[in-house]
N, C-alpha and C. Protein backbone atom coordinates (compact mmCIF):
# COMPACT_ATOMS: atom_id res chain seq x y z
N PRO A 1 18.81 -18.11 -15.76
CA PRO A 1 17.67 -19.01 -16.57
C PRO A 1 16.55 -18.16 -16.94
N PRO A 2 15.76 -18.22 -17.97
CA PRO A 2 14.75 -17.68 -18.19
C PRO A 2 13.57 -17.23 -17.38
N ARG A 3 13.11 -16.11 -17.21
CA ARG A 3 12.22 -15.87 -16.21
C ARG A 3 10.63 -15.19 -16.77
N LYS A 4 9.69 -15.74 -16.52
CA LYS A 4 8.39 -15.07 -16.54
C LYS A 4 8.23 -13.65 -16.18
N GLY A 5 7.58 -12.99 -17.01
CA GLY A 5 7.45 -11.70 -16.32
C GLY A 5 6.36 -10.75 -17.39
N VAL A 6 6.25 -9.41 -17.06
CA VAL A 6 5.44 -8.58 -17.97
C VAL A 6 6.08 -7.41 -18.28
N ILE A 7 5.71 -6.81 -19.73
CA ILE A 7 6.11 -5.51 -20.08
C ILE A 7 5.04 -4.69 -19.68
N LEU A 8 4.84 -3.40 -19.11
CA LEU A 8 3.80 -2.65 -18.78
C LEU A 8 3.72 -1.72 -20.03
N ARG A 9 2.91 -1.77 -21.19
CA ARG A 9 2.84 -1.28 -22.11
C ARG A 9 1.82 -0.05 -22.03
N LYS A 10 2.09 1.00 -22.44
CA LYS A 10 1.02 1.99 -22.19
C LYS A 10 -0.02 1.90 -23.47
N THR A 11 -1.08 2.52 -22.87
CA THR A 11 -2.36 2.42 -23.67
C THR A 11 -3.10 3.54 -23.24
N LYS A 12 -4.19 3.56 -24.39
CA LYS A 12 -5.17 4.78 -24.33
C LYS A 12 -6.56 4.66 -23.70
N THR A 13 -6.65 3.03 -23.43
CA THR A 13 -7.85 2.55 -22.82
C THR A 13 -7.40 2.55 -21.18
N PRO A 14 -8.45 3.61 -20.61
CA PRO A 14 -8.53 3.81 -18.99
C PRO A 14 -8.87 2.32 -18.31
N GLY A 15 -7.91 2.17 -17.17
CA GLY A 15 -8.02 0.83 -16.54
C GLY A 15 -7.69 1.10 -15.08
N GLY A 16 -7.45 -0.13 -14.52
CA GLY A 16 -7.05 -0.18 -13.06
C GLY A 16 -5.76 -0.27 -12.73
N SER A 17 -4.67 -0.29 -13.83
CA SER A 17 -3.32 -0.23 -13.88
C SER A 17 -2.82 0.98 -14.30
N LYS A 18 -1.83 1.83 -13.82
CA LYS A 18 -1.66 3.04 -14.53
C LYS A 18 -0.09 3.60 -13.55
N LEU A 19 0.56 4.40 -14.48
CA LEU A 19 1.65 5.08 -13.86
C LEU A 19 1.23 6.50 -13.69
N GLY A 20 1.52 7.37 -12.49
CA GLY A 20 1.48 8.57 -12.20
C GLY A 20 -0.14 8.67 -11.85
N GLY A 21 -0.47 10.13 -12.00
CA GLY A 21 -1.95 10.56 -11.57
C GLY A 21 -2.25 10.47 -10.29
N ASP A 22 -3.15 10.23 -9.89
CA ASP A 22 -3.64 9.97 -8.09
C ASP A 22 -4.11 8.53 -8.07
N PRO A 23 -3.50 7.80 -7.32
CA PRO A 23 -3.98 6.60 -6.52
C PRO A 23 -5.34 6.33 -6.26
N PHE A 24 -5.84 5.33 -6.34
CA PHE A 24 -7.25 5.06 -5.87
C PHE A 24 -6.74 4.11 -4.21
N LEU A 25 -5.96 4.60 -3.82
CA LEU A 25 -5.72 4.28 -2.28
C LEU A 25 -6.90 4.68 -1.41
N PRO A 26 -7.34 3.53 -0.75
CA PRO A 26 -8.32 3.58 0.29
C PRO A 26 -7.98 4.55 1.47
N ASP A 27 -9.10 5.27 1.97
CA ASP A 27 -8.79 6.44 3.01
C ASP A 27 -8.21 5.61 4.28
N GLY A 28 -8.40 4.65 4.45
CA GLY A 28 -8.06 3.85 5.66
C GLY A 28 -6.40 3.32 5.76
N ILE A 29 -5.77 3.67 4.21
CA ILE A 29 -4.33 3.64 4.36
C ILE A 29 -3.63 4.70 4.23
N GLU A 30 -2.68 4.37 5.40
CA GLU A 30 -1.85 5.89 5.22
C GLU A 30 -1.22 5.88 4.16
N TRP A 31 -0.98 7.30 3.64
CA TRP A 31 -0.26 7.57 2.72
C TRP A 31 1.46 7.81 3.17
N PRO A 32 2.14 6.87 2.48
CA PRO A 32 3.82 6.89 3.08
C PRO A 32 4.27 7.99 2.94
N ARG A 33 5.07 8.00 3.85
CA ARG A 33 5.80 9.49 4.08
C ARG A 33 7.29 9.33 4.11
N GLU A 34 8.14 10.35 3.91
CA GLU A 34 9.67 9.95 3.74
C GLU A 34 10.09 10.74 5.18
N PRO A 35 11.27 10.23 5.51
CA PRO A 35 11.81 10.31 6.75
C PRO A 35 11.71 11.70 7.48
N SER A 36 11.55 12.80 6.69
CA SER A 36 11.45 14.26 7.06
C SER A 36 9.79 13.95 7.39
N GLY A 37 9.03 13.48 7.09
CA GLY A 37 7.66 13.51 7.45
C GLY A 37 6.79 14.14 6.12
N GLY A 38 7.37 14.42 4.95
CA GLY A 38 6.81 14.78 4.01
C GLY A 38 5.90 13.69 3.14
N GLU A 39 5.02 13.79 2.34
CA GLU A 39 4.29 12.70 1.55
C GLU A 39 5.29 12.23 0.36
N MET A 40 5.34 11.02 0.29
CA MET A 40 5.78 10.60 -1.04
C MET A 40 5.17 10.68 -2.32
N SER A 41 5.85 10.84 -3.18
CA SER A 41 5.35 10.88 -4.43
C SER A 41 4.61 9.36 -4.64
N PHE A 42 3.46 9.37 -5.66
CA PHE A 42 2.87 8.22 -6.15
C PHE A 42 3.68 7.92 -7.51
N LEU A 43 3.92 6.80 -7.85
CA LEU A 43 4.45 6.56 -8.94
C LEU A 43 3.69 5.48 -9.91
N ALA A 44 3.03 4.63 -9.31
CA ALA A 44 2.29 3.40 -9.76
C ALA A 44 1.33 2.69 -9.05
N GLN A 45 -0.09 2.32 -9.75
CA GLN A 45 -0.73 1.28 -9.33
C GLN A 45 -0.79 0.24 -10.13
N ILE A 46 -0.90 -0.80 -9.64
CA ILE A 46 -0.92 -2.02 -10.64
C ILE A 46 -1.99 -2.89 -9.96
N ARG A 47 -2.98 -3.12 -10.80
CA ARG A 47 -4.07 -3.99 -10.36
C ARG A 47 -3.64 -5.60 -10.52
N CYS A 48 -3.93 -6.17 -9.27
CA CYS A 48 -3.47 -7.50 -9.51
C CYS A 48 -4.40 -8.52 -10.74
N GLU A 49 -5.49 -8.07 -10.75
CA GLU A 49 -6.33 -8.82 -11.71
C GLU A 49 -5.88 -8.86 -13.17
N ASP A 50 -4.86 -7.80 -13.28
CA ASP A 50 -4.65 -7.29 -14.88
C ASP A 50 -3.37 -8.25 -15.07
N LEU A 51 -2.68 -8.85 -14.29
CA LEU A 51 -1.38 -9.51 -14.22
C LEU A 51 -1.69 -10.96 -14.55
N PRO A 52 -0.88 -11.63 -15.38
CA PRO A 52 -1.45 -13.11 -15.67
C PRO A 52 -1.04 -13.88 -14.31
N SER A 53 -1.94 -15.03 -14.28
CA SER A 53 -2.45 -15.52 -12.97
C SER A 53 -1.30 -16.55 -12.89
N ASP A 54 -0.27 -16.90 -13.48
CA ASP A 54 0.53 -17.94 -13.39
C ASP A 54 2.04 -17.25 -12.87
N LEU A 55 1.90 -16.06 -12.37
CA LEU A 55 3.19 -15.07 -12.24
C LEU A 55 3.17 -15.19 -10.35
N GLY A 56 2.18 -15.74 -9.74
CA GLY A 56 2.44 -15.80 -8.43
C GLY A 56 1.96 -14.29 -7.55
N PHE A 57 1.46 -13.58 -8.36
CA PHE A 57 0.58 -12.40 -7.32
C PHE A 57 -0.60 -12.66 -6.89
N PRO A 58 -0.88 -11.84 -5.76
CA PRO A 58 -2.35 -12.22 -5.57
C PRO A 58 -3.41 -12.16 -6.58
N GLU A 59 -4.65 -12.71 -6.63
CA GLU A 59 -5.46 -12.54 -7.67
C GLU A 59 -6.32 -11.62 -7.50
N THR A 60 -6.51 -10.62 -6.36
CA THR A 60 -6.98 -9.51 -6.01
C THR A 60 -6.37 -8.36 -5.43
N GLY A 61 -7.00 -7.23 -5.47
CA GLY A 61 -6.33 -6.37 -5.01
C GLY A 61 -5.32 -5.57 -5.78
N ALA A 62 -4.57 -4.48 -5.24
CA ALA A 62 -3.76 -3.68 -5.91
C ALA A 62 -2.37 -3.27 -5.13
N LEU A 63 -1.52 -3.19 -5.84
CA LEU A 63 -0.14 -2.61 -5.28
C LEU A 63 0.17 -1.15 -6.15
N PHE A 64 0.82 -0.53 -4.96
CA PHE A 64 0.75 1.03 -5.00
C PHE A 64 2.35 1.28 -4.65
N PHE A 65 3.14 1.97 -5.44
CA PHE A 65 4.30 2.23 -5.52
C PHE A 65 4.63 3.90 -5.23
N PHE A 66 5.37 4.12 -4.13
CA PHE A 66 5.77 5.30 -3.84
C PHE A 66 7.21 5.65 -3.87
N PHE A 67 7.72 6.87 -4.13
CA PHE A 67 9.10 7.15 -3.99
C PHE A 67 9.46 8.67 -3.09
N ASP A 68 10.38 8.89 -2.39
CA ASP A 68 10.88 9.87 -1.84
C ASP A 68 11.56 10.82 -2.65
N GLU A 69 10.91 11.93 -3.55
CA GLU A 69 11.55 12.69 -4.42
C GLU A 69 12.03 14.06 -3.63
N SER A 70 12.25 14.01 -2.33
CA SER A 70 12.58 15.27 -1.59
C SER A 70 14.16 15.71 -1.76
N ASP A 71 14.92 14.49 -2.19
CA ASP A 71 16.50 14.64 -2.55
C ASP A 71 16.97 13.46 -3.32
N PRO A 72 16.50 13.60 -4.74
CA PRO A 72 16.82 12.63 -5.60
C PRO A 72 18.27 12.08 -5.59
N ASP A 73 19.02 13.47 -5.60
CA ASP A 73 20.63 13.14 -5.61
C ASP A 73 21.11 11.96 -4.86
N TYR A 74 20.35 12.13 -3.82
CA TYR A 74 20.96 10.72 -2.71
C TYR A 74 21.00 9.50 -3.25
N PHE A 75 20.25 9.19 -4.16
CA PHE A 75 19.97 7.95 -4.63
C PHE A 75 21.11 7.67 -5.61
N TRP A 76 21.07 8.52 -6.64
CA TRP A 76 22.29 8.53 -7.48
C TRP A 76 23.77 8.24 -7.05
N SER A 77 23.99 8.96 -5.73
CA SER A 77 25.07 8.85 -5.23
C SER A 77 25.48 7.50 -4.36
N ALA A 78 24.08 6.87 -4.05
CA ALA A 78 24.23 5.75 -3.32
C ALA A 78 25.23 5.79 -2.06
N GLU A 79 24.65 6.89 -1.35
CA GLU A 79 25.62 6.93 -0.11
C GLU A 79 25.47 5.65 0.73
N ASP A 80 24.35 5.32 1.04
CA ASP A 80 24.19 4.38 2.07
C ASP A 80 23.07 3.36 1.63
N GLU A 81 23.17 2.22 1.18
CA GLU A 81 22.12 1.46 0.23
C GLU A 81 20.89 0.85 1.52
N LYS A 82 21.64 0.81 2.49
CA LYS A 82 21.09 0.20 3.90
C LYS A 82 19.73 1.14 4.10
N THR A 83 19.67 2.32 3.69
CA THR A 83 18.66 3.38 4.10
C THR A 83 17.67 3.67 2.81
N TRP A 84 18.03 2.91 1.86
CA TRP A 84 17.15 3.06 0.77
C TRP A 84 15.56 2.93 1.14
N GLY A 85 15.41 1.57 1.66
CA GLY A 85 14.14 1.49 2.26
C GLY A 85 13.23 2.58 2.90
N ASP A 86 13.97 3.33 3.46
CA ASP A 86 13.27 4.54 3.98
C ASP A 86 12.71 5.36 3.21
N HIS A 87 12.85 5.50 1.95
CA HIS A 87 12.89 6.25 0.73
C HIS A 87 11.75 5.44 -0.31
N PHE A 88 11.45 4.54 -0.35
CA PHE A 88 10.57 3.93 -1.21
C PHE A 88 9.69 2.94 -0.33
N ARG A 89 8.14 3.11 -0.69
CA ARG A 89 7.39 2.10 -0.38
C ARG A 89 6.65 1.56 -1.21
N VAL A 90 6.21 0.09 -1.00
CA VAL A 90 5.17 -0.46 -1.49
C VAL A 90 3.97 -0.87 -0.78
N VAL A 91 2.76 -0.32 -1.23
CA VAL A 91 1.55 -0.74 -0.44
C VAL A 91 0.46 -1.84 -1.05
N TYR A 92 0.37 -3.11 -0.49
CA TYR A 92 -0.64 -3.79 -1.26
C TYR A 92 -1.89 -3.53 -0.58
N VAL A 93 -3.06 -3.48 -1.30
CA VAL A 93 -4.37 -3.34 -0.59
C VAL A 93 -4.99 -4.78 -1.28
N GLU A 94 -5.67 -5.44 -0.36
CA GLU A 94 -6.01 -6.77 -0.60
C GLU A 94 -7.73 -6.54 -1.16
N GLY A 95 -8.55 -5.41 -0.64
CA GLY A 95 -9.65 -5.67 -0.88
C GLY A 95 -10.15 -4.64 -2.21
N PRO A 96 -11.28 -4.28 -2.30
CA PRO A 96 -11.67 -3.37 -3.25
C PRO A 96 -11.26 -2.11 -3.16
N LEU A 97 -10.89 -1.20 -4.46
CA LEU A 97 -10.51 -0.02 -4.34
C LEU A 97 -11.69 0.90 -4.24
N PRO A 98 -11.42 1.98 -3.93
CA PRO A 98 -12.59 3.13 -3.81
C PRO A 98 -12.93 3.44 -5.36
N SER A 99 -14.03 4.35 -5.46
CA SER A 99 -14.52 4.56 -6.63
C SER A 99 -13.68 5.76 -7.22
N ALA A 100 -13.15 6.69 -6.32
CA ALA A 100 -12.36 7.80 -6.85
C ALA A 100 -11.02 7.95 -6.31
N PRO A 101 -10.29 8.48 -7.05
CA PRO A 101 -8.68 8.37 -6.84
C PRO A 101 -8.61 9.38 -5.52
N ARG A 102 -7.52 9.14 -4.87
CA ARG A 102 -7.24 9.98 -3.70
C ARG A 102 -5.97 11.13 -3.91
N ARG A 103 -5.93 12.23 -3.41
CA ARG A 103 -5.02 13.26 -3.52
C ARG A 103 -4.27 13.16 -2.44
N ARG A 104 -3.30 13.84 -2.59
CA ARG A 104 -2.03 14.19 -1.26
C ARG A 104 -2.72 15.26 -0.58
N THR A 105 -2.36 15.46 0.51
CA THR A 105 -2.75 16.51 1.51
C THR A 105 -2.23 17.93 1.22
N THR A 106 -0.80 17.64 0.77
CA THR A 106 -0.11 18.77 0.35
C THR A 106 0.20 18.56 -1.42
N PRO A 107 0.08 19.74 -2.12
CA PRO A 107 0.45 19.53 -3.68
C PRO A 107 1.65 18.78 -3.82
N ASP A 108 1.58 17.95 -4.99
CA ASP A 108 2.91 17.42 -5.32
C ASP A 108 3.57 18.48 -6.34
N PRO A 109 5.05 18.53 -5.87
CA PRO A 109 5.59 19.65 -6.84
C PRO A 109 5.94 19.37 -7.93
N ASP A 110 5.84 17.97 -8.38
CA ASP A 110 6.26 17.56 -9.68
C ASP A 110 5.37 16.36 -9.91
N PRO A 111 4.20 16.57 -10.16
CA PRO A 111 3.19 15.55 -10.37
C PRO A 111 3.45 14.95 -11.95
N THR A 112 3.24 13.74 -11.93
CA THR A 112 3.39 12.77 -13.05
C THR A 112 2.01 12.61 -13.70
N PRO A 113 2.05 13.02 -14.90
CA PRO A 113 0.69 12.58 -15.67
C PRO A 113 0.26 11.02 -15.69
N GLU A 114 -1.11 11.09 -15.82
CA GLU A 114 -1.68 9.81 -15.74
C GLU A 114 -1.61 8.98 -17.03
N VAL A 115 -0.78 7.72 -17.05
CA VAL A 115 -0.61 7.26 -18.06
C VAL A 115 -1.07 5.65 -18.08
N PHE A 116 -2.15 5.07 -18.55
CA PHE A 116 -2.47 3.84 -18.27
C PHE A 116 -1.48 2.66 -18.86
N VAL A 117 -1.66 1.60 -18.34
CA VAL A 117 -0.64 0.54 -18.78
C VAL A 117 -1.52 -1.02 -19.04
N ARG A 118 -1.06 -1.60 -19.73
CA ARG A 118 -1.69 -3.19 -19.95
C ARG A 118 -0.17 -4.00 -19.74
N ALA A 119 -0.56 -5.12 -19.13
CA ALA A 119 0.49 -6.38 -18.71
C ALA A 119 0.79 -7.24 -19.90
N GLU A 120 2.07 -6.99 -20.72
CA GLU A 120 1.95 -7.98 -21.87
C GLU A 120 3.07 -9.24 -21.27
N PRO A 121 2.47 -10.45 -21.35
CA PRO A 121 3.60 -11.34 -20.85
C PRO A 121 4.80 -11.39 -21.52
N VAL A 122 5.89 -11.91 -21.04
CA VAL A 122 7.21 -11.85 -21.60
C VAL A 122 8.12 -13.10 -21.03
N LEU A 123 8.65 -13.65 -21.71
CA LEU A 123 9.87 -14.55 -21.38
C LEU A 123 11.14 -13.98 -21.34
N CYS A 124 11.69 -13.69 -20.11
CA CYS A 124 13.20 -12.75 -20.48
C CYS A 124 14.26 -13.62 -19.94
N ARG A 125 15.20 -13.73 -20.97
CA ARG A 125 16.39 -14.23 -20.55
C ARG A 125 17.43 -13.20 -20.28
N PRO A 126 18.48 -13.60 -19.17
CA PRO A 126 19.49 -12.38 -19.01
C PRO A 126 20.35 -11.70 -20.30
N ASP A 127 20.32 -12.53 -20.90
CA ASP A 127 21.43 -12.10 -22.16
C ASP A 127 20.60 -11.48 -23.41
N ASP A 128 19.48 -11.52 -23.17
CA ASP A 128 18.32 -10.90 -24.46
C ASP A 128 17.61 -9.64 -23.73
N CYS A 129 17.43 -9.52 -22.52
CA CYS A 129 16.43 -8.70 -22.06
C CYS A 129 16.68 -7.14 -22.44
N GLN A 130 17.92 -6.84 -22.88
CA GLN A 130 18.25 -5.68 -23.41
C GLN A 130 17.80 -5.18 -24.74
N LYS A 131 17.19 -6.23 -25.53
CA LYS A 131 16.81 -5.97 -26.92
C LYS A 131 15.38 -5.16 -26.55
N TYR A 132 14.71 -5.35 -25.56
CA TYR A 132 13.54 -4.38 -25.39
C TYR A 132 14.05 -2.99 -25.29
N TYR A 133 14.85 -2.80 -24.56
CA TYR A 133 15.55 -1.36 -24.45
C TYR A 133 15.96 -0.70 -25.64
N ASP A 134 16.49 -1.62 -26.74
CA ASP A 134 17.00 -1.17 -27.69
C ASP A 134 15.80 -0.85 -28.85
N LEU A 135 14.83 -0.91 -28.45
CA LEU A 135 13.95 -0.75 -29.09
C LEU A 135 13.50 0.84 -29.28
N GLY A 136 14.04 1.65 -28.44
CA GLY A 136 14.25 2.80 -28.13
C GLY A 136 12.81 3.62 -27.70
N ARG A 137 12.20 2.59 -26.95
CA ARG A 137 11.00 3.05 -26.10
C ARG A 137 11.35 2.74 -24.63
N PRO A 138 10.56 3.36 -23.71
CA PRO A 138 11.16 3.06 -22.30
C PRO A 138 10.21 1.74 -22.08
N VAL A 139 10.80 1.06 -21.00
CA VAL A 139 10.49 -0.25 -20.68
C VAL A 139 10.36 -0.56 -19.27
N HIS A 140 8.87 -0.44 -19.00
CA HIS A 140 8.45 -0.57 -17.76
C HIS A 140 8.16 -2.12 -17.50
N ARG A 141 8.35 -2.52 -16.35
CA ARG A 141 8.59 -4.28 -16.31
C ARG A 141 8.07 -4.63 -14.74
N MET A 142 7.54 -5.84 -14.95
CA MET A 142 7.48 -6.66 -13.62
C MET A 142 8.02 -7.80 -13.66
N LEU A 143 8.66 -8.32 -12.69
CA LEU A 143 9.29 -9.60 -12.81
C LEU A 143 10.32 -9.69 -13.94
N GLY A 144 10.61 -11.30 -14.39
CA GLY A 144 11.74 -11.22 -15.34
C GLY A 144 13.14 -10.59 -15.03
N HIS A 145 14.06 -10.22 -15.67
CA HIS A 145 15.30 -9.68 -15.37
C HIS A 145 15.20 -8.26 -15.58
N PRO A 146 15.72 -7.51 -14.89
CA PRO A 146 15.89 -5.85 -15.36
C PRO A 146 16.73 -5.90 -16.80
N ASP A 147 16.45 -4.69 -17.22
CA ASP A 147 17.05 -4.34 -18.56
C ASP A 147 18.41 -3.77 -18.68
N SER A 148 18.56 -3.38 -17.57
CA SER A 148 19.85 -2.54 -17.13
C SER A 148 20.14 -2.40 -15.77
N PHE A 149 21.40 -2.22 -15.38
CA PHE A 149 22.01 -1.71 -13.87
C PHE A 149 23.31 -1.20 -14.34
N ASP A 150 23.14 -0.01 -13.67
CA ASP A 150 24.56 0.56 -13.31
C ASP A 150 25.37 0.07 -12.48
N LEU A 151 26.68 -0.61 -12.91
CA LEU A 151 27.47 -1.60 -12.13
C LEU A 151 28.44 -0.62 -11.90
N THR A 152 28.31 0.17 -10.51
CA THR A 152 29.35 1.09 -10.06
C THR A 152 29.93 0.58 -8.76
N GLU A 153 30.93 1.08 -8.05
CA GLU A 153 31.60 0.69 -6.61
C GLU A 153 30.35 0.93 -5.57
N ASP A 154 29.89 2.05 -5.78
CA ASP A 154 28.84 2.55 -4.89
C ASP A 154 27.40 1.77 -4.98
N ALA A 155 27.12 1.48 -6.06
CA ALA A 155 25.59 0.68 -6.45
C ALA A 155 25.88 -0.66 -7.02
N PRO A 156 26.43 -1.49 -6.28
CA PRO A 156 26.25 -3.06 -6.88
C PRO A 156 24.83 -3.50 -7.08
N PRO A 157 25.01 -4.68 -8.11
CA PRO A 157 23.97 -5.31 -8.56
C PRO A 157 22.99 -5.96 -7.32
N PRO A 158 21.75 -5.98 -7.73
CA PRO A 158 20.99 -6.85 -6.50
C PRO A 158 21.48 -8.15 -6.33
N ALA A 159 21.40 -9.15 -5.20
CA ALA A 159 21.44 -10.12 -5.20
C ALA A 159 20.90 -11.11 -6.19
N GLU A 160 21.67 -12.32 -6.43
CA GLU A 160 20.79 -13.18 -7.56
C GLU A 160 19.33 -13.53 -7.35
N ASP A 161 19.19 -13.64 -5.88
CA ASP A 161 18.16 -14.46 -5.41
C ASP A 161 17.03 -13.32 -5.40
N ARG A 162 17.24 -11.99 -5.81
CA ARG A 162 16.05 -11.00 -5.49
C ARG A 162 15.23 -10.99 -6.67
N ILE A 163 14.22 -10.91 -6.48
CA ILE A 163 12.91 -10.75 -7.36
C ILE A 163 12.79 -9.22 -8.17
N LEU A 164 12.50 -8.85 -8.97
CA LEU A 164 12.27 -7.71 -9.76
C LEU A 164 10.80 -7.52 -9.64
N LEU A 165 10.52 -6.77 -8.53
CA LEU A 165 9.12 -6.53 -8.41
C LEU A 165 8.37 -5.35 -9.45
N LEU A 166 9.06 -4.39 -9.68
CA LEU A 166 9.09 -3.59 -10.55
C LEU A 166 10.14 -2.66 -11.03
N GLN A 167 10.19 -2.11 -12.15
CA GLN A 167 11.17 -1.55 -13.02
C GLN A 167 10.58 -0.55 -13.72
N LEU A 168 10.74 1.05 -13.22
CA LEU A 168 10.44 1.91 -13.89
C LEU A 168 11.38 2.74 -14.66
N ASP A 169 11.15 2.65 -15.76
CA ASP A 169 12.39 3.38 -16.78
C ASP A 169 12.02 4.77 -16.93
N SER A 170 12.91 5.49 -17.29
CA SER A 170 12.84 7.05 -17.58
C SER A 170 12.28 7.29 -18.88
N ASP A 171 11.31 7.99 -18.83
CA ASP A 171 10.13 7.95 -19.87
C ASP A 171 9.89 9.66 -20.63
N THR A 172 10.58 10.28 -21.53
CA THR A 172 10.48 11.35 -21.75
C THR A 172 9.53 11.45 -22.94
N ASP A 173 8.79 10.32 -23.52
CA ASP A 173 8.20 10.32 -25.02
C ASP A 173 6.88 11.05 -24.78
N SER A 174 6.40 11.73 -25.95
CA SER A 174 5.15 12.57 -25.64
C SER A 174 4.07 11.84 -24.86
N ASP A 175 3.79 10.86 -25.17
CA ASP A 175 2.74 9.96 -24.15
C ASP A 175 3.20 9.35 -23.21
N GLY A 176 4.39 9.73 -22.67
CA GLY A 176 4.93 9.14 -21.31
C GLY A 176 4.76 9.83 -19.93
N THR A 177 5.68 9.64 -18.92
CA THR A 177 5.32 10.07 -17.71
C THR A 177 6.09 11.39 -17.28
N GLY A 178 7.16 11.63 -18.20
CA GLY A 178 8.06 12.52 -18.13
C GLY A 178 9.41 12.23 -17.12
N TRP A 179 9.14 11.25 -16.54
CA TRP A 179 10.14 10.66 -15.62
C TRP A 179 11.73 10.64 -16.24
N CYS A 180 12.80 11.15 -15.62
CA CYS A 180 13.91 10.93 -16.17
C CYS A 180 14.77 10.93 -14.81
N TRP A 181 15.30 9.32 -14.60
CA TRP A 181 15.89 8.91 -13.52
C TRP A 181 17.32 9.09 -13.25
N GLY A 182 17.95 10.06 -12.63
CA GLY A 182 19.45 10.51 -12.81
C GLY A 182 19.74 10.62 -14.43
N ASP A 183 20.69 10.07 -14.99
CA ASP A 183 21.30 10.11 -16.26
C ASP A 183 20.36 9.25 -17.25
N MET A 184 19.04 9.42 -17.49
CA MET A 184 17.95 8.38 -18.22
C MET A 184 18.31 7.12 -17.62
N GLY A 185 18.18 6.98 -16.36
CA GLY A 185 18.31 5.43 -15.87
C GLY A 185 16.99 4.76 -15.63
N MET A 186 16.92 4.13 -14.54
CA MET A 186 15.81 3.37 -14.07
C MET A 186 15.82 3.30 -12.65
N LEU A 187 14.59 3.10 -11.90
CA LEU A 187 14.04 2.94 -10.72
C LEU A 187 13.78 1.11 -10.77
N PHE A 188 14.64 0.69 -9.59
CA PHE A 188 14.13 -0.91 -9.29
C PHE A 188 13.76 -0.87 -8.05
N TYR A 189 12.40 -1.88 -8.05
CA TYR A 189 12.15 -2.51 -6.65
C TYR A 189 12.28 -4.04 -6.76
N PHE A 190 13.13 -4.16 -5.50
CA PHE A 190 13.43 -5.79 -5.46
C PHE A 190 13.05 -6.14 -4.07
N LEU A 191 12.67 -7.67 -4.11
CA LEU A 191 12.42 -8.45 -2.67
C LEU A 191 12.72 -9.64 -2.89
N THR A 192 13.06 -10.16 -1.92
CA THR A 192 13.24 -11.91 -1.95
C THR A 192 12.20 -12.71 -2.22
N PRO A 193 12.36 -13.97 -2.90
CA PRO A 193 11.52 -14.80 -3.02
C PRO A 193 10.46 -14.99 -1.86
N ASP A 194 10.92 -15.16 -0.56
CA ASP A 194 10.14 -15.40 0.52
C ASP A 194 9.03 -14.25 0.77
N ASP A 195 9.80 -12.88 0.55
CA ASP A 195 8.79 -11.79 0.86
C ASP A 195 7.63 -11.97 -0.44
N PHE A 196 8.10 -12.23 -1.43
CA PHE A 196 7.12 -12.36 -2.51
C PHE A 196 6.09 -13.42 -2.19
N LYS A 197 6.57 -14.95 -2.00
CA LYS A 197 5.35 -15.66 -1.63
C LYS A 197 4.53 -15.44 -0.64
N ALA A 198 5.12 -14.53 0.58
CA ALA A 198 4.36 -14.26 1.66
C ALA A 198 3.46 -13.01 1.61
N ARG A 199 3.62 -12.16 0.38
CA ARG A 199 2.85 -11.24 -0.04
C ARG A 199 3.27 -9.97 0.96
N ARG A 200 4.71 -10.11 1.48
CA ARG A 200 5.31 -8.88 2.08
C ARG A 200 5.80 -7.78 1.16
N PHE A 201 4.92 -7.18 0.25
CA PHE A 201 5.51 -6.47 -0.43
C PHE A 201 6.24 -4.97 -0.12
N GLU A 202 5.77 -4.90 1.35
CA GLU A 202 6.46 -3.71 1.87
C GLU A 202 7.83 -3.88 2.11
N ASN A 203 8.71 -4.99 1.94
CA ASN A 203 9.71 -4.99 2.24
C ASN A 203 10.69 -4.68 0.87
């Protein structure tokens, strides 16, 4: 069935939602770490008030997305899907954000340029979501249906009842993030409807 969602369109106008750069993560929130103890890479900051009010997101606060890039080949080989959660983090901050961004305590070996985004509402059907990808532009998305998924024996598609919290496309455009996931693939953050309703974004 059709699903409401948003496309995160790149914009030159600075705002509270962005990909890359440094997050406005409060000092009291622990920076997510990968299993070996190193700090994860920051990928995205989405301010909830920038999203349409009818999608079920909190009215205030922000979502922060992190990823363990210490061994990226691990994810493309899909050795054990059960441990993927140890290498991804989503942090929801309910209160106001600080006035200045926060940096890692150790330099990021491959920092992502700061790219501001705005949320454009879309109604996505499973059989036509690919049209956004066919435009030749990267498609960063929240909710709706994923634009593509590599159907391999090692990496099965997510369960039908999973919600697409965030899709981050490879983005090598001149105004983009420089991301290239695997062979120009995508990163997906999924969670269950119950976790979404209860705001358990960390799951």
